[in-house]
Amino acid sequence: MLEEIKNVLVEALNVDADEIVPEAKLSDDLDIDSLSAVELALELESTFDVTIEDEELAKLETVQDIIDIIEAKKA
């Protein structure tokens, strides 16, 4: 799952793949702002065929949070 999410982050937001680790903070470590977060959500929804609500998106702070929400929605 991490590799798939890493690919989405690299493709959608041009983030350095080496910086994408589960504990990486989206805003602090990966410089993802609110606009980028919306773009990321759209890419994740498309890639994983899930829906991420706005309130869920607001709670995502780390790469692990993304992994957790995608895995929960795919279960």
PDB file of N, CA and C in Angstrom:
ATOM      1  N   MET A   1       0.822  -1.195   0.000  1.00  0.00           N
ATOM      2  CA  MET A   1       0.000   0.000   0.000  1.00  0.00           C
ATOM      3  C   MET A   1       0.869   1.263   0.000  1.00  0.00           C
ATOM      4  N   LEU A   2       1.939   1.260   0.771  1.00  0.00           N
ATOM      5  CA  LEU A   2       2.814   2.436   0.809  1.00  0.00           C
ATOM      6  C   LEU A   2       3.359   2.754  -0.576  1.00  0.00           C
ATOM      7  N   GLU A   3       3.778   1.737  -1.303  1.00  0.00           N
ATOM      8  CA  GLU A   3       4.338   1.977  -2.638  1.00  0.00           C
ATOM      9  C   GLU A   3       3.308   2.586  -3.573  1.00  0.00           C
ATOM     10  N   GLU A   4       2.061   2.111  -3.502  1.00  0.00           N
ATOM     11  CA  GLU A   4       1.014   2.652  -4.359  1.00  0.00           C
ATOM     12  C   GLU A   4       0.737   4.110  -4.007  1.00  0.00           C
ATOM     13  N   ILE A   5       0.682   4.417  -2.733  1.00  0.00           N
ATOM     14  CA  ILE A   5       0.440   5.798  -2.301  1.00  0.00           C
ATOM     15  C   ILE A   5       1.632   6.673  -2.644  1.00  0.00           C
ATOM     16  N   LYS A   6       2.815   6.131  -2.503  1.00  0.00           N
ATOM     17  CA  LYS A   6       4.034   6.863  -2.878  1.00  0.00           C
ATOM     18  C   LYS A   6       3.969   7.258  -4.352  1.00  0.00           C
ATOM     19  N   ASN A   7       3.542   6.323  -5.196  1.00  0.00           N
ATOM     20  CA  ASN A   7       3.423   6.609  -6.634  1.00  0.00           C
ATOM     21  C   ASN A   7       2.432   7.737  -6.895  1.00  0.00           C
ATOM     22  N   VAL A   8       1.308   7.718  -6.184  1.00  0.00           N
ATOM     23  CA  VAL A   8       0.303   8.773  -6.354  1.00  0.00           C
ATOM     24  C   VAL A   8       0.877  10.128  -5.938  1.00  0.00           C
ATOM     25  N   LEU A   9       1.562  10.171  -4.799  1.00  0.00           N
ATOM     26  CA  LEU A   9       2.150  11.429  -4.326  1.00  0.00           C
ATOM     27  C   LEU A   9       3.200  11.964  -5.304  1.00  0.00           C
ATOM     28  N   VAL A  10       4.030  11.087  -5.800  1.00  0.00           N
ATOM     29  CA  VAL A  10       5.071  11.512  -6.739  1.00  0.00           C
ATOM     30  C   VAL A  10       4.437  12.038  -8.026  1.00  0.00           C
ATOM     31  N   GLU A  11       3.457  11.296  -8.552  1.00  0.00           N
ATOM     32  CA  GLU A  11       2.809  11.690  -9.806  1.00  0.00           C
ATOM     33  C   GLU A  11       1.986  12.972  -9.647  1.00  0.00           C
ATOM     34  N   ALA A  12       1.141  13.005  -8.625  1.00  0.00           N
ATOM     35  CA  ALA A  12       0.191  14.102  -8.480  1.00  0.00           C
ATOM     36  C   ALA A  12       0.836  15.394  -7.991  1.00  0.00           C
ATOM     37  N   LEU A  13       1.797  15.281  -7.081  1.00  0.00           N
ATOM     38  CA  LEU A  13       2.308  16.469  -6.413  1.00  0.00           C
ATOM     39  C   LEU A  13       3.800  16.697  -6.597  1.00  0.00           C
ATOM     40  N   ASN A  14       4.426  15.833  -7.378  1.00  0.00           N
ATOM     41  CA  ASN A  14       5.848  15.993  -7.655  1.00  0.00           C
ATOM     42  C   ASN A  14       6.670  16.018  -6.363  1.00  0.00           C
ATOM     43  N   VAL A  15       6.319  15.117  -5.442  1.00  0.00           N
ATOM     44  CA  VAL A  15       7.013  14.994  -4.163  1.00  0.00           C
ATOM     45  C   VAL A  15       8.159  13.998  -4.338  1.00  0.00           C
ATOM     46  N   ASP A  16       9.271  14.245  -3.675  1.00  0.00           N
ATOM     47  CA  ASP A  16      10.424  13.349  -3.744  1.00  0.00           C
ATOM     48  C   ASP A  16      10.077  12.014  -3.082  1.00  0.00           C
ATOM     49  N   ALA A  17      10.193  10.925  -3.821  1.00  0.00           N
ATOM     50  CA  ALA A  17       9.814   9.592  -3.332  1.00  0.00           C
ATOM     51  C   ALA A  17      10.572   9.212  -2.062  1.00  0.00           C
ATOM     52  N   ASP A  18      11.808   9.650  -1.917  1.00  0.00           N
ATOM     53  CA  ASP A  18      12.605   9.300  -0.734  1.00  0.00           C
ATOM     54  C   ASP A  18      12.048   9.919   0.558  1.00  0.00           C
ATOM     55  N   GLU A  19      11.269  11.006   0.422  1.00  0.00           N
ATOM     56  CA  GLU A  19      10.712  11.679   1.588  1.00  0.00           C
ATOM     57  C   GLU A  19       9.405  11.047   2.050  1.00  0.00           C
ATOM     58  N   ILE A  20       8.841  10.158   1.234  1.00  0.00           N
ATOM     59  CA  ILE A  20       7.532   9.584   1.543  1.00  0.00           C
ATOM     60  C   ILE A  20       7.705   8.334   2.387  1.00  0.00           C
ATOM     61  N   VAL A  21       7.546   8.527   3.677  1.00  0.00           N
ATOM     62  CA  VAL A  21       7.599   7.440   4.659  1.00  0.00           C
ATOM     63  C   VAL A  21       6.336   7.559   5.503  1.00  0.00           C
ATOM     64  N   PRO A  22       5.896   6.475   6.144  1.00  0.00           N
ATOM     65  CA  PRO A  22       4.627   6.536   6.893  1.00  0.00           C
ATOM     66  C   PRO A  22       4.531   7.674   7.902  1.00  0.00           C
ATOM     67  N   GLU A  23       5.634   8.013   8.551  1.00  0.00           N
ATOM     68  CA  GLU A  23       5.575   9.056   9.576  1.00  0.00           C
ATOM     69  C   GLU A  23       5.730  10.473   9.033  1.00  0.00           C
ATOM     70  N   ALA A  24       5.928  10.618   7.731  1.00  0.00           N
ATOM     71  CA  ALA A  24       6.097  11.951   7.134  1.00  0.00           C
ATOM     72  C   ALA A  24       4.808  12.762   7.277  1.00  0.00           C
ATOM     73  N   LYS A  25       4.949  13.987   7.780  1.00  0.00           N
ATOM     74  CA  LYS A  25       3.792  14.874   7.921  1.00  0.00           C
ATOM     75  C   LYS A  25       3.533  15.550   6.571  1.00  0.00           C
ATOM     76  N   LEU A  26       2.272  15.527   6.161  1.00  0.00           N
ATOM     77  CA  LEU A  26       1.921  16.041   4.840  1.00  0.00           C
ATOM     78  C   LEU A  26       2.275  17.513   4.678  1.00  0.00           C
ATOM     79  N   SER A  27       1.918  18.330   5.652  1.00  0.00           N
ATOM     80  CA  SER A  27       2.172  19.767   5.500  1.00  0.00           C
ATOM     81  C   SER A  27       3.610  20.139   5.811  1.00  0.00           C
ATOM     82  N   ASP A  28       4.162  19.600   6.890  1.00  0.00           N
ATOM     83  CA  ASP A  28       5.511  19.995   7.316  1.00  0.00           C
ATOM     84  C   ASP A  28       6.613  19.364   6.483  1.00  0.00           C
ATOM     85  N   ASP A  29       6.538  18.049   6.289  1.00  0.00           N
ATOM     86  CA  ASP A  29       7.625  17.334   5.614  1.00  0.00           C
ATOM     87  C   ASP A  29       7.493  17.325   4.088  1.00  0.00           C
ATOM     88  N   LEU A  30       6.249  17.278   3.600  1.00  0.00           N
ATOM     89  CA  LEU A  30       6.034  17.151   2.161  1.00  0.00           C
ATOM     90  C   LEU A  30       5.511  18.432   1.516  1.00  0.00           C
ATOM     91  N   ASP A  31       5.336  19.476   2.313  1.00  0.00           N
ATOM     92  CA  ASP A  31       4.886  20.788   1.817  1.00  0.00           C
ATOM     93  C   ASP A  31       3.581  20.704   1.029  1.00  0.00           C
ATOM     94  N   ILE A  32       2.639  19.908   1.524  1.00  0.00           N
ATOM     95  CA  ILE A  32       1.339  19.797   0.872  1.00  0.00           C
ATOM     96  C   ILE A  32       0.400  20.813   1.520  1.00  0.00           C
ATOM     97  N   ASP A  33      -0.064  21.782   0.716  1.00  0.00           N
ATOM     98  CA  ASP A  33      -0.999  22.783   1.228  1.00  0.00           C
ATOM     99  C   ASP A  33      -2.435  22.327   0.960  1.00  0.00           C
ATOM    100  N   SER A  34      -3.408  23.161   1.285  1.00  0.00           N
ATOM    101  CA  SER A  34      -4.813  22.751   1.167  1.00  0.00           C
ATOM    102  C   SER A  34      -5.209  22.473  -0.281  1.00  0.00           C
ATOM    103  N   LEU A  35      -4.717  23.259  -1.223  1.00  0.00           N
ATOM    104  CA  LEU A  35      -5.028  23.014  -2.630  1.00  0.00           C
ATOM    105  C   LEU A  35      -4.414  21.697  -3.095  1.00  0.00           C
ATOM    106  N   SER A  36      -3.169  21.466  -2.718  1.00  0.00           N
ATOM    107  CA  SER A  36      -2.509  20.208  -3.075  1.00  0.00           C
ATOM    108  C   SER A  36      -3.208  19.017  -2.432  1.00  0.00           C
ATOM    109  N   ALA A  37      -3.732  19.216  -1.227  1.00  0.00           N
ATOM    110  CA  ALA A  37      -4.440  18.140  -0.531  1.00  0.00           C
ATOM    111  C   ALA A  37      -5.700  17.745  -1.296  1.00  0.00           C
ATOM    112  N   VAL A  38      -6.393  18.721  -1.846  1.00  0.00           N
ATOM    113  CA  VAL A  38      -7.591  18.427  -2.640  1.00  0.00           C
ATOM    114  C   VAL A  38      -7.196  17.660  -3.900  1.00  0.00           C
ATOM    115  N   GLU A  39      -6.137  18.092  -4.566  1.00  0.00           N
ATOM    116  CA  GLU A  39      -5.650  17.384  -5.753  1.00  0.00           C
ATOM    117  C   GLU A  39      -5.256  15.952  -5.387  1.00  0.00           C
ATOM    118  N   LEU A  40      -4.599  15.793  -4.256  1.00  0.00           N
ATOM    119  CA  LEU A  40      -4.193  14.474  -3.790  1.00  0.00           C
ATOM    120  C   LEU A  40      -5.418  13.597  -3.540  1.00  0.00           C
ATOM    121  N   ALA A  41      -6.425  14.156  -2.894  1.00  0.00           N
ATOM    122  CA  ALA A  41      -7.650  13.395  -2.611  1.00  0.00           C
ATOM    123  C   ALA A  41      -8.289  12.915  -3.905  1.00  0.00           C
ATOM    124  N   LEU A  42      -8.340  13.777  -4.899  1.00  0.00           N
ATOM    125  CA  LEU A  42      -8.927  13.387  -6.189  1.00  0.00           C
ATOM    126  C   LEU A  42      -8.137  12.255  -6.830  1.00  0.00           C
ATOM    127  N   GLU A  43      -6.827  12.338  -6.759  1.00  0.00           N
ATOM    128  CA  GLU A  43      -5.981  11.276  -7.317  1.00  0.00           C
ATOM    129  C   GLU A  43      -6.163   9.966  -6.560  1.00  0.00           C
ATOM    130  N   LEU A  44      -6.220  10.045  -5.239  1.00  0.00           N
ATOM    131  CA  LEU A  44      -6.416   8.841  -4.426  1.00  0.00           C
ATOM    132  C   LEU A  44      -7.771   8.213  -4.723  1.00  0.00           C
ATOM    133  N   GLU A  45      -8.795   9.048  -4.841  1.00  0.00           N
ATOM    134  CA  GLU A  45     -10.135   8.539  -5.149  1.00  0.00           C
ATOM    135  C   GLU A  45     -10.145   7.825  -6.493  1.00  0.00           C
ATOM    136  N   SER A  46      -9.508   8.415  -7.451  1.00  0.00           N
ATOM    137  CA  SER A  46      -9.451   7.829  -8.793  1.00  0.00           C
ATOM    138  C   SER A  46      -8.634   6.534  -8.809  1.00  0.00           C
ATOM    139  N   THR A  47      -7.489   6.571  -8.181  1.00  0.00           N
ATOM    140  CA  THR A  47      -6.582   5.425  -8.188  1.00  0.00           C
ATOM    141  C   THR A  47      -7.147   4.229  -7.433  1.00  0.00           C
ATOM    142  N   PHE A  48      -7.730   4.492  -6.257  1.00  0.00           N
ATOM    143  CA  PHE A  48      -8.165   3.403  -5.385  1.00  0.00           C
ATOM    144  C   PHE A  48      -9.676   3.163  -5.411  1.00  0.00           C
ATOM    145  N   ASP A  49     -10.399   3.938  -6.233  1.00  0.00           N
ATOM    146  CA  ASP A  49     -11.852   3.798  -6.376  1.00  0.00           C
ATOM    147  C   ASP A  49     -12.549   3.906  -5.013  1.00  0.00           C
ATOM    148  N   VAL A  50     -12.230   4.973  -4.295  1.00  0.00           N
ATOM    149  CA  VAL A  50     -12.840   5.260  -2.993  1.00  0.00           C
ATOM    150  C   VAL A  50     -13.313   6.717  -3.001  1.00  0.00           C
ATOM    151  N   THR A  51     -14.060   7.094  -1.977  1.00  0.00           N
ATOM    152  CA  THR A  51     -14.475   8.480  -1.800  1.00  0.00           C
ATOM    153  C   THR A  51     -13.907   8.978  -0.481  1.00  0.00           C
ATOM    154  N   ILE A  52     -13.239  10.119  -0.542  1.00  0.00           N
ATOM    155  CA  ILE A  52     -12.688  10.741   0.666  1.00  0.00           C
ATOM    156  C   ILE A  52     -13.472  12.024   0.912  1.00  0.00           C
ATOM    157  N   GLU A  53     -14.207  12.045   2.011  1.00  0.00           N
ATOM    158  CA  GLU A  53     -15.022  13.211   2.358  1.00  0.00           C
ATOM    159  C   GLU A  53     -14.121  14.359   2.819  1.00  0.00           C
ATOM    160  N   ASP A  54     -14.642  15.583   2.717  1.00  0.00           N
ATOM    161  CA  ASP A  54     -13.864  16.768   3.103  1.00  0.00           C
ATOM    162  C   ASP A  54     -13.403  16.700   4.555  1.00  0.00           C
ATOM    163  N   GLU A  55     -14.288  16.224   5.438  1.00  0.00           N
ATOM    164  CA  GLU A  55     -13.901  16.169   6.858  1.00  0.00           C
ATOM    165  C   GLU A  55     -12.821  15.114   7.097  1.00  0.00           C
ATOM    166  N   GLU A  56     -12.828  14.051   6.291  1.00  0.00           N
ATOM    167  CA  GLU A  56     -11.766  13.036   6.384  1.00  0.00           C
ATOM    168  C   GLU A  56     -10.457  13.610   5.870  1.00  0.00           C
ATOM    169  N   LEU A  57     -10.525  14.335   4.777  1.00  0.00           N
ATOM    170  CA  LEU A  57      -9.338  14.957   4.197  1.00  0.00           C
ATOM    171  C   LEU A  57      -8.685  15.907   5.193  1.00  0.00           C
ATOM    172  N   ALA A  58      -9.496  16.648   5.921  1.00  0.00           N
ATOM    173  CA  ALA A  58      -8.979  17.615   6.896  1.00  0.00           C
ATOM    174  C   ALA A  58      -8.220  16.942   8.033  1.00  0.00           C
ATOM    175  N   LYS A  59      -8.531  15.670   8.296  1.00  0.00           N
ATOM    176  CA  LYS A  59      -7.897  14.948   9.405  1.00  0.00           C
ATOM    177  C   LYS A  59      -6.590  14.258   8.997  1.00  0.00           C
ATOM    178  N   LEU A  60      -6.302  14.211   7.718  1.00  0.00           N
ATOM    179  CA  LEU A  60      -5.087  13.529   7.262  1.00  0.00           C
ATOM    180  C   LEU A  60      -3.870  14.388   7.578  1.00  0.00           C
ATOM    181  N   GLU A  61      -2.981  13.850   8.406  1.00  0.00           N
ATOM    182  CA  GLU A  61      -1.788  14.597   8.795  1.00  0.00           C
ATOM    183  C   GLU A  61      -0.498  13.935   8.330  1.00  0.00           C
ATOM    184  N   THR A  62      -0.514  12.602   8.213  1.00  0.00           N
ATOM    185  CA  THR A  62       0.706  11.882   7.828  1.00  0.00           C
ATOM    186  C   THR A  62       0.412  10.930   6.674  1.00  0.00           C
ATOM    187  N   VAL A  63       1.459  10.410   6.088  1.00  0.00           N
ATOM    188  CA  VAL A  63       1.317   9.411   5.028  1.00  0.00           C
ATOM    189  C   VAL A  63       0.605   8.178   5.592  1.00  0.00           C
ATOM    190  N   GLN A  64       0.897   7.822   6.842  1.00  0.00           N
ATOM    191  CA  GLN A  64       0.225   6.676   7.468  1.00  0.00           C
ATOM    192  C   GLN A  64      -1.279   6.905   7.555  1.00  0.00           C
ATOM    193  N   ASP A  65      -1.699   8.142   7.799  1.00  0.00           N
ATOM    194  CA  ASP A  65      -3.137   8.447   7.835  1.00  0.00           C
ATOM    195  C   ASP A  65      -3.780   8.146   6.479  1.00  0.00           C
ATOM    196  N   ILE A  66      -3.080   8.456   5.406  1.00  0.00           N
ATOM    197  CA  ILE A  66      -3.590   8.153   4.061  1.00  0.00           C
ATOM    198  C   ILE A  66      -3.706   6.646   3.889  1.00  0.00           C
ATOM    199  N   ILE A  67      -2.653   5.920   4.276  1.00  0.00           N
ATOM    200  CA  ILE A  67      -2.670   4.456   4.179  1.00  0.00           C
ATOM    201  C   ILE A  67      -3.859   3.899   4.956  1.00  0.00           C
ATOM    202  N   ASP A  68      -4.051   4.379   6.178  1.00  0.00           N
ATOM    203  CA  ASP A  68      -5.127   3.891   7.037  1.00  0.00           C
ATOM    204  C   ASP A  68      -6.501   4.115   6.422  1.00  0.00           C
ATOM    205  N   ILE A  69      -6.728   5.316   5.887  1.00  0.00           N
ATOM    206  CA  ILE A  69      -8.062   5.603   5.355  1.00  0.00           C
ATOM    207  C   ILE A  69      -8.338   4.800   4.091  1.00  0.00           C
ATOM    208  N   ILE A  70      -7.330   4.640   3.250  1.00  0.00           N
ATOM    209  CA  ILE A  70      -7.521   3.870   2.021  1.00  0.00           C
ATOM    210  C   ILE A  70      -7.780   2.402   2.369  1.00  0.00           C
ATOM    211  N   GLU A  71      -7.000   1.857   3.281  1.00  0.00           N
ATOM    212  CA  GLU A  71      -7.188   0.446   3.679  1.00  0.00           C
ATOM    213  C   GLU A  71      -8.565   0.248   4.309  1.00  0.00           C
ATOM    214  N   ALA A  72      -9.022   1.197   5.119  1.00  0.00           N
ATOM    215  CA  ALA A  72     -10.333   1.078   5.757  1.00  0.00           C
ATOM    216  C   ALA A  72     -11.454   1.110   4.727  1.00  0.00           C
ATOM    217  N   LYS A  73     -11.294   1.942   3.714  1.00  0.00           N
ATOM    218  CA  LYS A  73     -12.331   2.047   2.691  1.00  0.00           C
ATOM    219  C   LYS A  73     -12.318   0.873   1.710  1.00  0.00           C
ATOM    220  N   LYS A  74     -11.172   0.243   1.564  1.00  0.00           N
ATOM    221  CA  LYS A  74     -11.065  -0.902   0.655  1.00  0.00           C
ATOM    222  C   LYS A  74     -11.508  -2.196   1.316  1.00  0.00           C
ATOM    223  N   ALA A  75     -11.610  -2.196   2.648  1.00  0.00           N
ATOM    224  CA  ALA A  75     -11.955  -3.433   3.385  1.00  0.00           C
ATOM    225  C   ALA A  75     -13.414  -3.787   3.211  1.00  0.00           C
TER     226      ALA A  75
END
